[in-house]
């Protein structure tokens, strides 16, 4: 299950990266295409201007060069240095034909600039045949002050024209982007569905496991109370009766919390913290599993330091974590002998649960906190269960910003260490 979730997450991350790369490549390609179309536009206009200078005697210098005769004042404005003025209508008719021949199908405006008056003296609007721009010619050509006369050719809709030239590629790219984004949303939706399914499974698993131990304790206590001899032992009768009452209350409280959790969207356990003495909580956990211990003639030794410092934790969940660890210690030993040791290191509290069970090999130690993993010896599972207990303990410790770890050797028992941070 854990492996499948990781595979799904990595597939989503990889798909997202691929989509992002495709989008970046597509945008970069569109940018390069725009630059190419712009370069082509400039080349066509330059050829038209060269023909204009060739067919019209506009300069006293018979040698034509782009550097000497043409200035690109703006991306859409060409300044042609001239020494002679031809009738502007003749220039207009000529350019109209030439621009169409070179497939420059956008409107423009030509103007004569008089350097003495520092203004345009004549202007004509050229609406090239099949132009993409069928707009009115209500615009002004920008004036650039020069010490010589010039003929300006102004393409006010140059950028729009270039974009229209790229229309097919733009539409194709937008369509591709929409498909990719839709694909991304589909993946995200599927992941959300997967997450909801996993949340529901987690709820059922946690619900099942939280009540398994209390119900087992209640059953054992009820069996003891059902024996006639118990009536001759009032203290034991009272003790087992109190165990049943405590476990029933615990189940009721946890049921209410689980129902609240079911109607929320918490990915971690919602905690209700309070200041508690952890040594007292350990003793309470042992009391709760007392019937399980007595059934196997087990014993518990407390090796606590004198530090009674209080820690802010969720009582019910931390108690459940202790009970789960203790239950495993009882489950995997013929005659359980458990030592509970606590000490302060830095500002953190460490609680060790040392048992004399069958132990866990190093390979399996890395997996025991995974969901549904159960320790096996060969092909045999020595105890019943779903492999949820230690996974749930880890969730509880993660919610408290703490940790749980294990050290173990086969046939020498195990030591589970719970760390509870002070802050």
Protein backbone atom coordinates (compact mmCIF):
# COMPACT_ATOMS: atom_id res chain seq x y z
CA UNK A 1 0.00 0.00 0.00
CA UNK A 2 2.78 2.41 0.99
CA UNK A 3 4.73 1.51 -2.15
CA UNK A 4 1.65 2.10 -4.32
CA UNK A 5 1.08 5.52 -2.75
CA UNK A 6 4.70 6.48 -3.39
CA UNK A 7 4.40 5.29 -7.00
CA UNK A 8 1.26 7.40 -7.49
CA UNK A 9 2.91 10.47 -5.95
CA UNK A 10 6.03 10.10 -8.08
CA UNK A 11 3.90 9.56 -11.21
CA UNK A 12 2.02 12.79 -10.47
CA UNK A 13 5.25 14.70 -9.83
CA UNK A 14 6.81 13.32 -13.03
CA UNK A 15 3.68 14.11 -15.08
CA UNK A 16 3.61 17.65 -13.67
CA UNK A 17 7.26 18.17 -14.56
CA UNK A 18 6.70 16.86 -18.09
CA UNK A 19 3.71 19.17 -18.56
CA UNK A 20 5.72 22.11 -17.23
CA UNK A 21 8.61 21.31 -19.59
CA UNK A 22 6.25 21.03 -22.57
CA UNK A 23 4.64 24.37 -21.71
CA UNK A 24 8.05 26.06 -21.34
CA UNK A 25 9.28 24.56 -24.63
CA UNK A 26 6.04 25.63 -26.37
CA UNK A 27 6.27 29.20 -25.09
CA UNK A 28 9.96 29.37 -26.04
CA UNK A 29 9.13 28.05 -29.51
CA UNK A 30 6.39 30.68 -29.95
CA UNK A 31 8.83 33.38 -28.90
CA UNK A 32 11.38 32.18 -31.44
CA UNK A 33 8.69 31.97 -34.11
CA UNK A 34 7.68 35.57 -33.36
CA UNK A 35 11.30 36.68 -33.68
CA UNK A 36 11.60 34.81 -36.97
CA UNK A 37 8.40 36.38 -38.37
CA UNK A 38 9.60 39.81 -37.26
CA UNK A 39 12.93 39.24 -39.00
CA UNK A 40 11.12 38.15 -42.16
CA UNK A 41 8.94 41.25 -42.03
CA UNK A 42 12.00 43.51 -41.74
CA UNK A 43 13.70 41.69 -44.61
CA UNK A 44 10.67 42.12 -46.92
CA UNK A 45 10.30 45.80 -46.08
CA UNK A 46 14.03 46.34 -46.61
CA UNK A 47 13.83 44.74 -50.07
CA UNK A 48 10.90 46.98 -50.92
CA UNK A 49 12.84 50.08 -49.83
CA UNK A 50 15.89 48.99 -51.83
CA UNK A 51 13.71 48.70 -54.96
CA UNK A 52 12.25 52.11 -54.21
CA UNK A 53 15.71 53.65 -54.16
CA UNK A 54 16.64 51.75 -57.30
CA UNK A 55 13.59 52.79 -59.30
CA UNK A 56 13.35 56.34 -57.94
CA UNK A 57 16.22 58.77 -57.94
CA UNK A 58 15.79 59.77 -54.29
CA UNK A 59 19.45 60.28 -53.42
CA UNK A 60 22.25 62.27 -55.04
CA UNK A 61 24.62 59.46 -54.14
CA UNK A 62 24.23 56.67 -56.64
CA UNK A 63 25.58 54.14 -54.15
CA UNK A 64 22.79 52.73 -51.92
CA UNK A 65 23.54 51.17 -48.54
CA UNK A 66 21.15 50.32 -45.73
CA UNK A 67 23.48 51.84 -43.14
CA UNK A 68 23.64 55.14 -45.00
CA UNK A 69 20.12 55.48 -46.41
CA UNK A 70 17.84 53.66 -43.91
CA UNK A 71 17.31 54.18 -40.19
CA UNK A 72 14.99 52.03 -38.07
CA UNK A 73 13.81 54.69 -35.63
CA UNK A 74 11.20 52.36 -34.14
CA UNK A 75 10.48 48.68 -34.84
CA UNK A 76 7.53 49.87 -36.95
CA UNK A 77 9.05 53.12 -38.33
CA UNK A 78 11.56 53.32 -41.17
CA UNK A 79 13.33 56.60 -41.96
CA UNK A 80 14.65 56.92 -45.55
CA UNK A 81 17.19 59.70 -46.04
CA UNK A 82 16.41 61.47 -49.34
CA UNK A 83 17.77 64.39 -51.33
CA UNK A 84 14.85 64.71 -53.77
CA UNK A 85 11.09 64.73 -53.34
CA UNK A 86 9.02 62.81 -55.82
CA UNK A 87 5.25 63.25 -55.92
CA UNK A 88 4.04 61.42 -52.84
CA UNK A 89 1.13 59.81 -54.72
CA UNK A 90 3.63 58.16 -57.06
CA UNK A 91 5.55 56.83 -54.08
CA UNK A 92 2.29 55.59 -52.54
CA UNK A 93 1.23 53.69 -55.68
CA UNK A 94 4.64 52.14 -56.05
CA UNK A 95 4.88 50.98 -52.46
CA UNK A 96 1.36 49.60 -52.52
CA UNK A 97 2.30 47.28 -55.39
CA UNK A 98 5.73 46.35 -54.00
CA UNK A 99 4.51 45.58 -50.50
CA UNK A 100 1.81 43.32 -51.93
CA UNK A 101 4.41 41.57 -54.12
CA UNK A 102 6.51 40.87 -51.02
CA UNK A 103 3.45 39.66 -49.05
CA UNK A 104 3.63 42.50 -46.55
CA UNK A 105 -0.14 42.62 -46.12
CA UNK A 106 -0.54 45.33 -43.52
CA UNK A 107 -1.38 48.99 -43.82
CA UNK A 108 1.17 51.77 -43.51
CA UNK A 109 1.56 55.51 -43.79
CA UNK A 110 4.23 57.38 -45.74
CA UNK A 111 5.20 60.95 -44.91
CA UNK A 112 7.65 63.57 -46.14
CA UNK A 113 9.65 65.23 -43.36
CA UNK A 114 11.01 68.75 -43.92
CA UNK A 115 14.08 69.40 -41.77
CA UNK A 116 13.76 73.17 -42.05
CA UNK A 117 10.22 73.14 -40.66
CA UNK A 118 10.81 70.08 -38.40
CA UNK A 119 7.50 68.48 -39.37
CA UNK A 120 5.78 66.29 -41.91
CA UNK A 121 4.61 68.27 -44.90
CA UNK A 122 2.72 65.50 -46.72
CA UNK A 123 1.30 62.13 -45.74
CA UNK A 124 -0.51 59.28 -47.47
CA UNK A 125 -2.20 56.20 -46.04
CA UNK A 126 -1.63 52.88 -47.85
CA UNK A 127 -4.23 50.20 -47.29
CA UNK A 128 -2.56 47.20 -48.90
CA UNK A 129 -4.86 44.72 -50.66
CA UNK A 130 -5.89 41.77 -48.45
CA UNK A 131 -4.55 43.63 -45.42
CA UNK A 132 -5.40 42.08 -42.07
CA UNK A 133 -5.98 45.60 -40.74
CA UNK A 134 -9.14 47.15 -42.10
CA UNK A 135 -9.06 49.96 -39.55
CA UNK A 136 -9.28 53.65 -40.26
CA UNK A 137 -6.13 55.67 -40.79
CA UNK A 138 -6.69 57.88 -37.77
CA UNK A 139 -3.19 57.78 -36.34
CA UNK A 140 -0.14 60.01 -36.45
CA UNK A 141 3.33 59.03 -37.51
CA UNK A 142 5.87 59.79 -34.75
CA UNK A 143 8.17 62.69 -35.68
CA UNK A 144 11.93 62.34 -35.22
CA UNK A 145 13.97 65.49 -35.57
CA UNK A 146 16.75 65.18 -38.11
CA UNK A 147 19.05 67.65 -39.91
CA UNK A 148 18.07 66.22 -43.26
CA UNK A 149 14.87 65.55 -45.14
CA UNK A 150 13.49 62.04 -45.06
CA UNK A 151 10.64 59.85 -46.15
CA UNK A 152 9.10 57.85 -43.30
CA UNK A 153 7.29 54.53 -43.72
CA UNK A 154 5.22 53.78 -40.63
CA UNK A 155 3.55 50.39 -39.97
CA UNK A 156 1.21 51.10 -37.02
CA UNK A 157 -0.16 47.54 -36.90
CA UNK A 158 3.09 45.72 -37.46
CA UNK A 159 2.94 43.64 -34.24
CA UNK A 160 -0.66 42.63 -34.88
CA UNK A 161 0.21 41.66 -38.45
CA UNK A 162 3.12 39.45 -37.30
CA UNK A 163 0.90 37.78 -34.70
CA UNK A 164 -1.77 37.16 -37.36
CA UNK A 165 0.91 35.52 -39.49
CA UNK A 166 1.49 33.15 -36.55
CA UNK A 167 -2.24 32.60 -35.94
CA UNK A 168 -2.25 28.91 -36.84
CA UNK A 169 0.69 28.14 -34.54
CA UNK A 170 -0.74 30.25 -31.71
CA UNK A 171 -4.11 28.45 -31.91
CA UNK A 172 -2.34 25.08 -32.05
CA UNK A 173 -0.21 25.97 -29.04
CA UNK A 174 -3.18 27.24 -27.03
CA UNK A 175 -5.11 24.05 -27.85
CA UNK A 176 -2.15 21.95 -26.73
CA UNK A 177 -1.81 23.96 -23.52
CA UNK A 178 -5.52 23.57 -22.76
CA UNK A 179 -5.24 19.81 -23.31
CA UNK A 180 -2.17 19.62 -21.05
CA UNK A 181 -3.80 21.72 -18.33
CA UNK A 182 -6.93 19.57 -18.57
CA UNK A 183 -4.75 16.49 -18.30
CA UNK A 184 -3.05 18.01 -15.25
CA UNK A 185 -6.39 18.71 -13.57
CA UNK A 186 -7.50 15.16 -14.34
CA UNK A 187 -4.40 13.77 -12.65
CA UNK A 188 -4.96 16.08 -9.67
CA UNK A 189 -8.60 14.99 -9.45
CA UNK A 190 -7.61 11.32 -9.54
CA UNK A 191 -5.04 11.96 -6.83
CA UNK A 192 -7.70 13.68 -4.71
CA UNK A 193 -9.96 10.68 -5.14
CA UNK A 194 -7.09 8.39 -4.20
CA UNK A 195 -6.42 10.53 -1.13
CA UNK A 196 -10.08 10.38 -0.07
CA UNK A 197 -10.08 6.61 -0.49
CA UNK A 198 -6.92 6.30 1.58
CA UNK A 199 -8.40 8.61 4.23
CA UNK A 200 -11.47 6.41 4.48
CA UNK A 201 -9.32 3.29 4.76
CA UNK A 202 -7.16 4.94 7.41
CA UNK A 203 -10.28 5.86 9.37
CA UNK A 204 -11.57 2.29 9.28
CA UNK A 205 -8.14 0.87 10.16
CA UNK A 206 -7.60 3.28 13.04
CA UNK A 207 -11.15 2.76 14.25
CA UNK A 208 -10.65 -1.00 14.24
CA UNK A 209 -7.28 -0.94 15.96
CA UNK A 210 -8.16 1.61 18.64
CA UNK A 211 -10.92 -0.64 19.96
CA UNK A 212 -9.21 -4.01 19.53
CA UNK A 213 -7.08 -3.83 22.68
CA UNK A 214 -9.75 -2.34 25.02
CA UNK A 215 -12.24 -4.98 23.89
CA UNK A 216 -9.69 -7.74 24.48
CA UNK A 217 -9.03 -6.40 27.98
CA UNK A 218 -12.77 -6.13 28.71
CA UNK A 219 -13.31 -9.73 27.52
CA UNK A 220 -10.54 -11.09 29.73
CA UNK A 221 -11.76 -9.06 32.73
CA UNK A 222 -15.33 -10.24 32.12
CA UNK A 223 -14.16 -13.87 31.96
CA UNK A 224 -12.38 -13.45 35.30
CA UNK A 225 -15.44 -11.82 36.88
CA UNK A 226 -17.57 -14.68 35.56
CA UNK A 227 -15.62 -17.20 37.68
CA UNK A 228 -17.32 -18.12 40.98
CA UNK A 229 -14.03 -17.93 42.91
CA UNK A 230 -13.75 -14.19 42.23
CA UNK A 231 -16.44 -13.55 44.85
CA UNK A 232 -13.99 -14.65 47.55
CA UNK A 233 -11.47 -12.00 46.36
CA UNK A 234 -13.20 -8.61 46.74
CA UNK A 235 -10.07 -6.57 45.95
CA UNK A 236 -9.49 -8.44 42.67
CA UNK A 237 -13.20 -8.21 41.90
CA UNK A 238 -13.10 -4.45 42.41
CA UNK A 239 -9.91 -4.08 40.36
CA UNK A 240 -11.33 -5.95 37.35
CA UNK A 241 -14.62 -4.10 37.59
CA UNK A 242 -12.74 -0.77 37.51
CA UNK A 243 -10.75 -2.00 34.49
CA UNK A 244 -13.99 -2.69 32.59
CA UNK A 245 -15.38 0.74 33.56
CA UNK A 246 -12.16 2.51 32.46
CA UNK A 247 -11.97 0.67 29.16
CA UNK A 248 -15.65 1.31 28.43
CA UNK A 249 -15.21 5.02 29.15
CA UNK A 250 -12.11 5.06 26.97
CA UNK A 251 -14.01 3.46 24.07
CA UNK A 252 -16.83 6.00 24.43
CA UNK A 253 -14.40 8.93 24.41
CA UNK A 254 -12.43 7.58 21.45
CA UNK A 255 -15.64 6.87 19.54
CA UNK A 256 -16.65 10.52 19.88
CA UNK A 257 -13.21 11.68 18.74
CA UNK A 258 -13.16 9.30 15.80
CA UNK A 259 -16.56 10.56 14.66
CA UNK A 260 -15.27 14.14 14.80
CA UNK A 261 -12.19 13.09 12.86
CA UNK A 262 -14.38 11.39 10.24
CA UNK A 263 -16.15 14.66 9.49
CA UNK A 264 -13.00 16.77 9.26
CA UNK A 265 -10.20 16.89 6.70
CA UNK A 266 -7.29 16.44 9.11
CA UNK A 267 -4.34 14.62 7.60
CA UNK A 268 -2.84 14.35 11.08
CA UNK A 269 -4.53 13.46 14.34
CA UNK A 270 -6.33 16.38 15.99
CA UNK A 271 -4.78 16.66 19.45
CA UNK A 272 -6.30 17.86 22.73
CA UNK A 273 -3.17 18.60 24.74
CA UNK A 274 -2.82 18.92 28.49
CA UNK A 275 0.07 18.88 30.98
CA UNK A 276 0.59 15.36 32.28
CA UNK A 277 3.06 13.27 34.25
CA UNK A 278 4.36 10.68 31.78
CA UNK A 279 5.38 8.20 34.48
CA UNK A 280 1.84 8.14 35.83
CA UNK A 281 0.54 7.63 32.28
CA UNK A 282 2.88 4.65 31.82
CA UNK A 283 1.56 3.10 35.02
CA UNK A 284 -2.00 3.63 33.82
CA UNK A 285 -1.17 1.91 30.51
CA UNK A 286 0.18 -1.10 32.42
CA UNK A 287 -2.99 -1.20 34.55
CA UNK A 288 -5.11 -1.23 31.38
CA UNK A 289 -3.34 -4.32 30.01
CA UNK A 290 -3.14 -6.06 33.41
CA UNK A 291 -5.57 -8.81 32.38
CA UNK A 292 -3.40 -9.60 29.32
CA UNK A 293 -0.30 -9.74 31.55
CA UNK A 294 -1.92 -11.99 34.12
CA UNK A 295 -3.15 -14.34 31.41
CA UNK A 296 0.51 -14.97 30.46
CA UNK A 297 1.90 -14.64 33.99
CA UNK A 298 3.81 -11.59 32.89
CA UNK A 299 5.45 -8.83 34.95
CA UNK A 300 6.44 -5.19 34.53
CA UNK A 301 9.35 -3.38 36.21
CA UNK A 302 9.36 0.42 36.41
CA UNK A 303 12.79 2.03 36.23
CA UNK A 304 11.91 5.71 36.41
CA UNK A 305 14.18 8.59 37.34
CA UNK A 306 13.11 11.08 39.95
CA UNK A 307 12.10 13.66 37.37
CA UNK A 308 8.35 14.25 37.50
CA UNK A 309 8.36 17.04 34.93
CA UNK A 310 5.05 17.58 33.13
CA UNK A 311 4.74 17.31 29.35
CA UNK A 312 1.99 18.75 27.17
CA UNK A 313 0.45 15.85 25.26
CA UNK A 314 -2.86 14.36 24.21
CA UNK A 315 -3.70 11.98 27.02
CA UNK A 316 -5.91 9.51 25.12
CA UNK A 317 -3.61 9.13 22.13
CA UNK A 318 -0.39 8.90 24.15
CA UNK A 319 -1.99 6.34 26.46
CA UNK A 320 -3.03 4.37 23.38
CA UNK A 321 0.55 4.53 22.06
CA UNK A 322 1.92 3.11 25.32
CA UNK A 323 -0.75 0.38 25.37
CA UNK A 324 0.06 -0.65 21.78
CA UNK A 325 3.77 -1.00 22.52
CA UNK A 326 3.06 -2.92 25.74
CA UNK A 327 0.54 -5.17 23.99
CA UNK A 328 3.17 -6.15 21.41
CA UNK A 329 5.63 -6.92 24.20
CA UNK A 330 3.05 -9.22 25.79
CA UNK A 331 1.97 -10.75 22.50
CA UNK A 332 5.44 -11.85 21.34
CA UNK A 333 6.68 -13.45 24.58
CA UNK A 334 5.71 -16.72 26.27
CA UNK A 335 6.13 -15.20 29.75
CA UNK A 336 6.46 -11.44 29.31
CA UNK A 337 9.04 -9.58 31.37
CA UNK A 338 8.87 -5.90 30.55
CA UNK A 339 10.99 -3.04 31.87
CA UNK A 340 9.81 0.55 31.40
CA UNK A 341 12.63 3.06 31.77
CA UNK A 342 12.44 6.85 31.48
CA UNK A 343 15.09 9.56 31.43
CA UNK A 344 15.57 13.16 30.34
CA UNK A 345 18.11 13.97 27.62
CA UNK A 346 18.47 17.62 26.78
CA UNK A 347 14.91 18.91 27.02
CA UNK A 348 13.31 15.72 25.66
CA UNK A 349 11.83 12.79 27.56
CA UNK A 350 12.79 9.28 26.50
CA UNK A 351 10.73 6.25 27.51
CA UNK A 352 12.10 2.78 26.79
CA UNK A 353 9.95 -0.35 26.68
CA UNK A 354 12.32 -3.32 27.05
CA UNK A 355 10.87 -6.80 26.53
CA UNK A 356 12.05 -10.40 26.39
CA UNK A 357 10.19 -11.34 23.23
CA UNK A 358 11.37 -13.16 20.11
CA UNK A 359 13.11 -10.09 18.71
CA UNK A 360 13.09 -8.63 15.21
CA UNK A 361 15.79 -9.00 12.57
CA UNK A 362 17.41 -5.86 11.16
CA UNK A 363 15.75 -6.18 7.76
CA UNK A 364 12.27 -6.14 9.28
CA UNK A 365 13.08 -3.40 11.80
CA UNK A 366 13.02 -0.86 8.95
CA UNK A 367 9.46 -1.86 8.04
CA UNK A 368 7.67 -2.44 11.33
CA UNK A 369 6.22 1.08 11.38
CA UNK A 370 4.73 0.65 7.90
CA UNK A 371 1.01 0.10 7.58
CA UNK A 372 -0.09 -3.57 7.40
CA UNK A 373 3.44 -4.88 8.05
CA UNK A 374 3.60 -7.79 10.47
CA UNK A 375 6.78 -9.34 11.80
CA UNK A 376 7.21 -12.88 10.52
CA UNK A 377 9.59 -15.65 11.45
CA UNK A 378 10.11 -17.66 8.31
CA UNK A 379 6.68 -18.01 6.74
CA UNK A 380 4.90 -17.87 10.08
CA UNK A 381 3.19 -14.96 11.85
CA UNK A 382 3.29 -15.81 15.57
CA UNK A 383 0.52 -13.43 16.57
CA UNK A 384 -2.76 -12.35 15.11
CA UNK A 385 -3.26 -8.79 13.94
CA UNK A 386 -3.51 -6.42 10.99
CA UNK A 387 -0.09 -4.78 11.19
CA UNK A 388 -1.62 -1.42 12.17
CA UNK A 389 -0.55 -0.96 15.80
CA UNK A 390 2.99 0.41 15.42
CA UNK A 391 1.99 2.42 12.36
CA UNK A 392 -0.68 4.11 14.48
CA UNK A 393 1.84 4.71 17.28
CA UNK A 394 4.12 6.41 14.77
CA UNK A 395 1.21 8.63 13.66
CA UNK A 396 0.60 9.60 17.27
CA UNK A 397 4.28 10.45 17.81
CA UNK A 398 4.46 12.39 14.54
CA UNK A 399 1.44 14.43 15.62
CA UNK A 400 3.31 15.25 18.87
CA UNK A 401 6.51 16.10 16.92
CA UNK A 402 8.14 13.16 18.67
CA UNK A 403 9.44 9.83 17.43
CA UNK A 404 9.54 6.08 18.05
CA UNK A 405 12.48 3.80 17.24
CA UNK A 406 13.45 0.18 17.86
CA UNK A 407 16.54 -1.85 18.64
CA UNK A 408 16.23 -5.60 18.62
CA UNK A 409 18.01 -8.92 18.29
CA UNK A 410 16.48 -12.28 17.48
CA UNK A 411 15.74 -14.29 20.66
CA UNK A 412 17.04 -11.43 22.84
CA UNK A 413 14.02 -9.17 22.90
CA UNK A 414 13.37 -5.64 21.71
CA UNK A 415 13.65 -2.08 23.01
CA UNK A 416 11.14 0.45 21.73
CA UNK A 417 12.13 4.05 22.51
CA UNK A 418 9.59 6.85 22.48
CA UNK A 419 10.89 10.42 22.43
CA UNK A 420 8.57 13.20 23.59
CA UNK A 421 9.82 16.76 23.01
CA UNK A 422 9.50 19.30 25.78
CA UNK A 423 8.59 22.08 23.32
